[in-house]
Amino acid sequence: MNKLTKATIAGAAGVALLLGGAGTFATWNATAPISGGTIVAGSLLVGTPAAGSWSVTHLTAGSGTVYGSSAATTLASYKASPGDKLTYTTTVPITVSGTNLVATLALAPGAIAASAPGSAANTALAGFLTLNTIVAMSGTGITGTAPSYVINGGPTGTNNAIVNATVTATITFSSGTASTENTSMLGSVDLSGMAISLVQNS
């Protein structure tokens, strides 16, 4: 075997050894520390509402959508009729800690209940008014429209900032079909347990 042939065989054997051990090569790696931080959970608390007030407007005859001027009223002595829009206004302190916290405002279950003793008219009126009630709020640090609002305690979500929200509950006793109106005629509802809920959106 001449020297050229021997050199070629030796070279081929060397390549085979390298390829055979390819799966055992270690990969390079390195670690380096980075500057971390702290994650703090926020909070959302609704305080005790201030004493509120009721006002009423009535649908202008023949307009279908235009309501007249608002007038203050005492609910205990007021008898509502189709075409009325009754609005309750109060101030609610909201303690908030969080950046761009989004929450949904709504009537709490049972806020408008049929008066006792229960009757078909009471039940019908309670259900009808519940479906036709909209709650809304406004104030510094609050943006959005019903039912979802962004509540910020400050530019960066100041801890435990108190936002005084003006909350309204508007009950529209709309002029619906004759059957709807008649089933609730002489009905009575109890608003003593009226409450709102503010739930953070997932």
C-alpha atoms as a PDB file:
ATOM      1  CA  MET A   1       0.000   0.000   0.000  1.00  0.00           C
ATOM      2  CA  ASN A   2       1.564   3.308  -1.053  1.00  0.00           C
ATOM      3  CA  LYS A   3       1.758   6.329   1.220  1.00  0.00           C
ATOM      4  CA  LEU A   4      -1.080   8.155  -0.549  1.00  0.00           C
ATOM      5  CA  THR A   5      -3.520   5.304   0.087  1.00  0.00           C
ATOM      6  CA  LYS A   6      -2.574   5.049   3.773  1.00  0.00           C
ATOM      7  CA  ALA A   7      -3.126   8.751   4.270  1.00  0.00           C
ATOM      8  CA  THR A   8      -6.579   8.544   2.727  1.00  0.00           C
ATOM      9  CA  ILE A   9      -7.670   5.641   4.976  1.00  0.00           C
ATOM     10  CA  ALA A  10      -6.406   7.375   8.110  1.00  0.00           C
ATOM     11  CA  GLY A  11      -8.288  10.512   7.177  1.00  0.00           C
ATOM     12  CA  ALA A  12     -11.518   8.584   6.647  1.00  0.00           C
ATOM     13  CA  ALA A  13     -11.170   6.865  10.029  1.00  0.00           C
ATOM     14  CA  GLY A  14     -10.713  10.212  11.741  1.00  0.00           C
ATOM     15  CA  VAL A  15     -13.914  11.599  10.218  1.00  0.00           C
ATOM     16  CA  ALA A  16     -15.843   8.516  11.330  1.00  0.00           C
ATOM     17  CA  LEU A  17     -14.704   8.970  14.924  1.00  0.00           C
ATOM     18  CA  LEU A  18     -15.778  12.585  14.982  1.00  0.00           C
ATOM     19  CA  LEU A  19     -19.203  11.823  13.538  1.00  0.00           C
ATOM     20  CA  GLY A  20     -19.740   8.944  15.942  1.00  0.00           C
ATOM     21  CA  GLY A  21     -19.298  11.205  18.941  1.00  0.00           C
ATOM     22  CA  ALA A  22     -21.411  14.120  17.615  1.00  0.00           C
ATOM     23  CA  GLY A  23     -24.247  13.417  20.053  1.00  0.00           C
ATOM     24  CA  THR A  24     -22.016  13.900  23.089  1.00  0.00           C
ATOM     25  CA  PHE A  25     -20.886  17.457  22.333  1.00  0.00           C
ATOM     26  CA  ALA A  26     -21.748  19.881  25.153  1.00  0.00           C
ATOM     27  CA  THR A  27     -23.636  23.102  24.227  1.00  0.00           C
ATOM     28  CA  TRP A  28     -22.334  26.413  25.468  1.00  0.00           C
ATOM     29  CA  ASN A  29     -24.467  28.337  27.941  1.00  0.00           C
ATOM     30  CA  ALA A  30     -24.169  31.288  30.249  1.00  0.00           C
ATOM     31  CA  THR A  31     -26.334  33.143  32.805  1.00  0.00           C
ATOM     32  CA  ALA A  32     -26.428  36.737  33.917  1.00  0.00           C
ATOM     33  CA  PRO A  33     -28.518  38.447  36.624  1.00  0.00           C
ATOM     34  CA  ILE A  34     -31.133  41.070  35.690  1.00  0.00           C
ATOM     35  CA  SER A  35     -32.736  43.729  37.809  1.00  0.00           C
ATOM     36  CA  GLY A  36     -36.091  42.350  39.012  1.00  0.00           C
ATOM     37  CA  GLY A  37     -38.973  43.985  40.836  1.00  0.00           C
ATOM     38  CA  THR A  38     -41.997  43.311  42.995  1.00  0.00           C
ATOM     39  CA  ILE A  39     -45.536  42.484  41.859  1.00  0.00           C
ATOM     40  CA  VAL A  40     -48.240  43.825  44.176  1.00  0.00           C
ATOM     41  CA  ALA A  41     -51.919  42.888  43.899  1.00  0.00           C
ATOM     42  CA  GLY A  42     -54.368  45.767  43.801  1.00  0.00           C
ATOM     43  CA  SER A  43     -57.745  46.075  45.456  1.00  0.00           C
ATOM     44  CA  LEU A  44     -61.274  47.328  44.821  1.00  0.00           C
ATOM     45  CA  LEU A  45     -63.565  48.259  47.716  1.00  0.00           C
ATOM     46  CA  VAL A  46     -66.972  49.935  47.603  1.00  0.00           C
ATOM     47  CA  GLY A  47     -67.841  52.056  50.630  1.00  0.00           C
ATOM     48  CA  THR A  48     -71.137  53.183  52.128  1.00  0.00           C
ATOM     49  CA  PRO A  49     -73.154  55.378  49.738  1.00  0.00           C
ATOM     50  CA  ALA A  50     -74.243  58.837  50.797  1.00  0.00           C
ATOM     51  CA  ALA A  51     -77.943  59.625  51.216  1.00  0.00           C
ATOM     52  CA  GLY A  52     -79.365  59.849  47.716  1.00  0.00           C
ATOM     53  CA  SER A  53     -82.276  61.572  46.063  1.00  0.00           C
ATOM     54  CA  TRP A  54     -84.947  60.687  43.506  1.00  0.00           C
ATOM     55  CA  SER A  55     -86.079  62.683  40.499  1.00  0.00           C
ATOM     56  CA  VAL A  56     -88.629  61.923  37.805  1.00  0.00           C
ATOM     57  CA  THR A  57     -89.160  62.908  34.201  1.00  0.00           C
ATOM     58  CA  HIS A  58     -92.108  61.936  32.014  1.00  0.00           C
ATOM     59  CA  LEU A  59     -92.242  61.056  28.348  1.00  0.00           C
ATOM     60  CA  THR A  60     -93.603  63.916  26.278  1.00  0.00           C
ATOM     61  CA  ALA A  61     -96.912  62.920  24.733  1.00  0.00           C
ATOM     62  CA  GLY A  62     -96.574  61.843  21.126  1.00  0.00           C
ATOM     63  CA  SER A  63     -92.759  62.071  21.089  1.00  0.00           C
ATOM     64  CA  GLY A  64     -91.890  58.478  21.851  1.00  0.00           C
ATOM     65  CA  THR A  65     -88.342  59.405  22.961  1.00  0.00           C
ATOM     66  CA  VAL A  66     -88.305  62.956  24.393  1.00  0.00           C
ATOM     67  CA  TYR A  67     -88.664  63.397  28.133  1.00  0.00           C
ATOM     68  CA  GLY A  68     -89.756  66.546  29.928  1.00  0.00           C
ATOM     69  CA  SER A  69     -87.889  68.418  32.637  1.00  0.00           C
ATOM     70  CA  SER A  70     -86.674  66.637  35.756  1.00  0.00           C
ATOM     71  CA  ALA A  71     -88.418  67.186  39.069  1.00  0.00           C
ATOM     72  CA  ALA A  72     -87.365  66.046  42.539  1.00  0.00           C
ATOM     73  CA  THR A  73     -89.726  63.594  44.149  1.00  0.00           C
ATOM     74  CA  THR A  74     -90.291  61.628  47.331  1.00  0.00           C
ATOM     75  CA  LEU A  75     -90.593  58.034  46.256  1.00  0.00           C
ATOM     76  CA  ALA A  76     -92.841  56.951  49.140  1.00  0.00           C
ATOM     77  CA  SER A  77     -95.630  59.225  47.977  1.00  0.00           C
ATOM     78  CA  TYR A  78     -95.133  58.859  44.215  1.00  0.00           C
ATOM     79  CA  LYS A  79     -97.245  56.559  42.052  1.00  0.00           C
ATOM     80  CA  ALA A  80     -95.435  55.729  38.842  1.00  0.00           C
ATOM     81  CA  SER A  81     -97.122  55.229  35.500  1.00  0.00           C
ATOM     82  CA  PRO A  82     -95.949  54.150  32.033  1.00  0.00           C
ATOM     83  CA  GLY A  83     -93.865  56.916  30.506  1.00  0.00           C
ATOM     84  CA  ASP A  84     -92.065  57.790  33.768  1.00  0.00           C
ATOM     85  CA  LYS A  85     -88.303  57.719  34.157  1.00  0.00           C
ATOM     86  CA  LEU A  86     -87.159  57.720  37.786  1.00  0.00           C
ATOM     87  CA  THR A  87     -83.524  58.402  38.622  1.00  0.00           C
ATOM     88  CA  TYR A  88     -81.786  57.790  41.935  1.00  0.00           C
ATOM     89  CA  THR A  89     -78.516  59.690  42.435  1.00  0.00           C
ATOM     90  CA  THR A  90     -75.962  59.104  45.159  1.00  0.00           C
ATOM     91  CA  THR A  91     -72.227  59.381  45.846  1.00  0.00           C
ATOM     92  CA  VAL A  92     -70.260  56.206  46.514  1.00  0.00           C
ATOM     93  CA  PRO A  93     -66.649  56.145  47.784  1.00  0.00           C
ATOM     94  CA  ILE A  94     -64.561  53.562  45.938  1.00  0.00           C
ATOM     95  CA  THR A  95     -61.151  52.643  47.330  1.00  0.00           C
ATOM     96  CA  VAL A  96     -59.013  51.485  44.461  1.00  0.00           C
ATOM     97  CA  SER A  97     -55.449  50.286  44.090  1.00  0.00           C
ATOM     98  CA  GLY A  98     -54.524  49.222  40.590  1.00  0.00           C
ATOM     99  CA  THR A  99     -53.510  50.466  37.193  1.00  0.00           C
ATOM    100  CA  ASN A 100     -56.243  50.527  34.556  1.00  0.00           C
ATOM    101  CA  LEU A 101     -58.597  48.467  36.680  1.00  0.00           C
ATOM    102  CA  VAL A 102     -61.695  47.660  34.628  1.00  0.00           C
ATOM    103  CA  ALA A 103     -64.943  46.753  36.383  1.00  0.00           C
ATOM    104  CA  THR A 104     -68.581  46.186  35.480  1.00  0.00           C
ATOM    105  CA  LEU A 105     -71.241  48.140  37.341  1.00  0.00           C
ATOM    106  CA  ALA A 106     -74.672  46.565  37.761  1.00  0.00           C
ATOM    107  CA  LEU A 107     -77.681  46.291  40.010  1.00  0.00           C
ATOM    108  CA  ALA A 108     -77.169  43.672  42.675  1.00  0.00           C
ATOM    109  CA  PRO A 109     -79.546  40.693  42.489  1.00  0.00           C
ATOM    110  CA  GLY A 110     -82.810  41.471  44.269  1.00  0.00           C
ATOM    111  CA  ALA A 111     -82.270  45.225  44.192  1.00  0.00           C
ATOM    112  CA  ILE A 112     -85.817  45.692  42.928  1.00  0.00           C
ATOM    113  CA  ALA A 113     -88.071  43.206  44.685  1.00  0.00           C
ATOM    114  CA  ALA A 114     -91.794  42.591  44.622  1.00  0.00           C
ATOM    115  CA  SER A 115     -93.439  44.056  47.699  1.00  0.00           C
ATOM    116  CA  ALA A 116     -94.876  41.695  50.291  1.00  0.00           C
ATOM    117  CA  PRO A 117     -97.386  40.201  50.351  1.00  0.00           C
ATOM    118  CA  GLY A 118     -96.497  39.074  46.882  1.00  0.00           C
ATOM    119  CA  SER A 119     -98.967  39.277  44.036  1.00  0.00           C
ATOM    120  CA  ALA A 120     -98.843  38.701  40.305  1.00  0.00           C
ATOM    121  CA  ALA A 121     -98.856  42.459  39.699  1.00  0.00           C
ATOM    122  CA  ASN A 122     -96.013  43.023  42.190  1.00  0.00           C
ATOM    123  CA  THR A 123     -93.920  40.307  40.586  1.00  0.00           C
ATOM    124  CA  ALA A 124     -94.623  41.570  37.072  1.00  0.00           C
ATOM    125  CA  LEU A 125     -93.710  45.137  37.985  1.00  0.00           C
ATOM    126  CA  ALA A 126     -90.489  44.104  39.745  1.00  0.00           C
ATOM    127  CA  GLY A 127     -89.360  42.053  36.759  1.00  0.00           C
ATOM    128  CA  PHE A 128     -90.270  44.749  34.266  1.00  0.00           C
ATOM    129  CA  LEU A 129     -88.466  47.529  36.148  1.00  0.00           C
ATOM    130  CA  THR A 130     -85.375  45.389  36.776  1.00  0.00           C
ATOM    131  CA  LEU A 131     -85.009  44.776  33.042  1.00  0.00           C
ATOM    132  CA  ASN A 132     -85.389  48.501  32.374  1.00  0.00           C
ATOM    133  CA  THR A 133     -82.907  49.854  34.909  1.00  0.00           C
ATOM    134  CA  ILE A 134     -79.491  51.200  33.948  1.00  0.00           C
ATOM    135  CA  VAL A 135     -76.802  52.080  36.481  1.00  0.00           C
ATOM    136  CA  ALA A 136     -73.986  54.443  35.568  1.00  0.00           C
ATOM    137  CA  MET A 137     -71.180  56.265  37.341  1.00  0.00           C
ATOM    138  CA  SER A 138     -68.811  59.151  36.791  1.00  0.00           C
ATOM    139  CA  GLY A 139     -66.058  60.964  38.657  1.00  0.00           C
ATOM    140  CA  THR A 140     -62.372  61.836  38.683  1.00  0.00           C
ATOM    141  CA  GLY A 141     -60.321  58.840  37.565  1.00  0.00           C
ATOM    142  CA  ILE A 142     -63.345  57.074  36.079  1.00  0.00           C
ATOM    143  CA  THR A 143     -63.754  56.616  32.342  1.00  0.00           C
ATOM    144  CA  GLY A 144     -66.001  54.478  30.192  1.00  0.00           C
ATOM    145  CA  THR A 145     -69.705  53.947  29.641  1.00  0.00           C
ATOM    146  CA  ALA A 146     -72.219  51.598  31.241  1.00  0.00           C
ATOM    147  CA  PRO A 147     -71.682  48.918  32.162  1.00  0.00           C
ATOM    148  CA  SER A 148     -67.845  48.790  31.974  1.00  0.00           C
ATOM    149  CA  TYR A 149     -65.627  51.433  33.539  1.00  0.00           C
ATOM    150  CA  VAL A 150     -61.903  51.998  33.963  1.00  0.00           C
ATOM    151  CA  ILE A 151     -61.230  53.133  37.530  1.00  0.00           C
ATOM    152  CA  ASN A 152     -57.840  54.665  38.239  1.00  0.00           C
ATOM    153  CA  GLY A 153     -56.783  55.825  41.665  1.00  0.00           C
ATOM    154  CA  GLY A 154     -54.104  57.982  40.081  1.00  0.00           C
ATOM    155  CA  PRO A 155     -51.791  58.259  37.058  1.00  0.00           C
ATOM    156  CA  THR A 156     -50.073  55.001  38.026  1.00  0.00           C
ATOM    157  CA  GLY A 157     -52.737  53.392  40.170  1.00  0.00           C
ATOM    158  CA  THR A 158     -52.015  55.137  43.469  1.00  0.00           C
ATOM    159  CA  ASN A 159     -52.378  52.774  46.417  1.00  0.00           C
ATOM    160  CA  ASN A 160     -55.643  53.058  48.345  1.00  0.00           C
ATOM    161  CA  ALA A 161     -56.839  56.161  46.514  1.00  0.00           C
ATOM    162  CA  ILE A 162     -60.457  57.031  47.206  1.00  0.00           C
ATOM    163  CA  VAL A 163     -62.561  57.865  44.169  1.00  0.00           C
ATOM    164  CA  ASN A 164     -65.885  59.532  44.958  1.00  0.00           C
ATOM    165  CA  ALA A 165     -68.126  58.205  42.214  1.00  0.00           C
ATOM    166  CA  THR A 166     -71.488  59.711  41.344  1.00  0.00           C
ATOM    167  CA  VAL A 167     -73.745  56.727  40.770  1.00  0.00           C
ATOM    168  CA  THR A 168     -77.162  56.895  39.131  1.00  0.00           C
ATOM    169  CA  ALA A 169     -79.797  54.217  38.805  1.00  0.00           C
ATOM    170  CA  THR A 170     -82.337  55.097  36.142  1.00  0.00           C
ATOM    171  CA  ILE A 171     -85.572  53.115  36.151  1.00  0.00           C
ATOM    172  CA  THR A 172     -87.548  53.534  32.958  1.00  0.00           C
ATOM    173  CA  PHE A 173     -91.225  52.678  33.236  1.00  0.00           C
ATOM    174  CA  SER A 174     -91.546  52.590  29.484  1.00  0.00           C
ATOM    175  CA  SER A 175     -94.761  52.539  27.525  1.00  0.00           C
ATOM    176  CA  GLY A 176     -94.717  49.001  26.251  1.00  0.00           C
ATOM    177  CA  THR A 177     -97.466  46.775  24.993  1.00  0.00           C
ATOM    178  CA  ALA A 178    -100.868  46.926  26.669  1.00  0.00           C
ATOM    179  CA  SER A 179    -100.408  43.408  28.022  1.00  0.00           C
ATOM    180  CA  THR A 180     -97.116  44.350  29.724  1.00  0.00           C
ATOM    181  CA  GLU A 181     -98.582  47.473  31.264  1.00  0.00           C
ATOM    182  CA  ASN A 182    -101.750  45.763  32.444  1.00  0.00           C
ATOM    183  CA  THR A 183     -99.987  42.898  34.201  1.00  0.00           C
ATOM    184  CA  SER A 184     -98.085  45.390  36.374  1.00  0.00           C
ATOM    185  CA  MET A 185    -101.038  47.688  37.067  1.00  0.00           C
ATOM    186  CA  LEU A 186    -101.403  48.371  40.815  1.00  0.00           C
ATOM    187  CA  GLY A 187     -98.152  46.500  41.373  1.00  0.00           C
ATOM    188  CA  SER A 188     -95.725  47.553  44.091  1.00  0.00           C
ATOM    189  CA  VAL A 189     -91.971  47.083  44.430  1.00  0.00           C
ATOM    190  CA  ASP A 190     -89.647  47.303  47.423  1.00  0.00           C
ATOM    191  CA  LEU A 191     -86.415  49.253  46.900  1.00  0.00           C
ATOM    192  CA  SER A 192     -85.178  49.074  50.500  1.00  0.00           C
ATOM    193  CA  GLY A 193     -82.607  46.471  49.472  1.00  0.00           C
ATOM    194  CA  MET A 194     -81.467  48.357  46.401  1.00  0.00           C
ATOM    195  CA  ALA A 195     -77.737  47.902  45.918  1.00  0.00           C
ATOM    196  CA  ILE A 196     -75.089  47.998  43.213  1.00  0.00           C
ATOM    197  CA  SER A 197     -72.287  45.605  42.455  1.00  0.00           C
ATOM    198  CA  LEU A 198     -68.886  46.444  41.039  1.00  0.00           C
ATOM    199  CA  VAL A 199     -67.077  43.409  39.668  1.00  0.00           C
ATOM    200  CA  GLN A 200     -63.600  43.459  38.158  1.00  0.00           C
ATOM    201  CA  ASN A 201     -63.581  42.186  34.599  1.00  0.00           C
ATOM    202  CA  SER A 202     -61.558  39.032  34.067  1.00  0.00           C
END
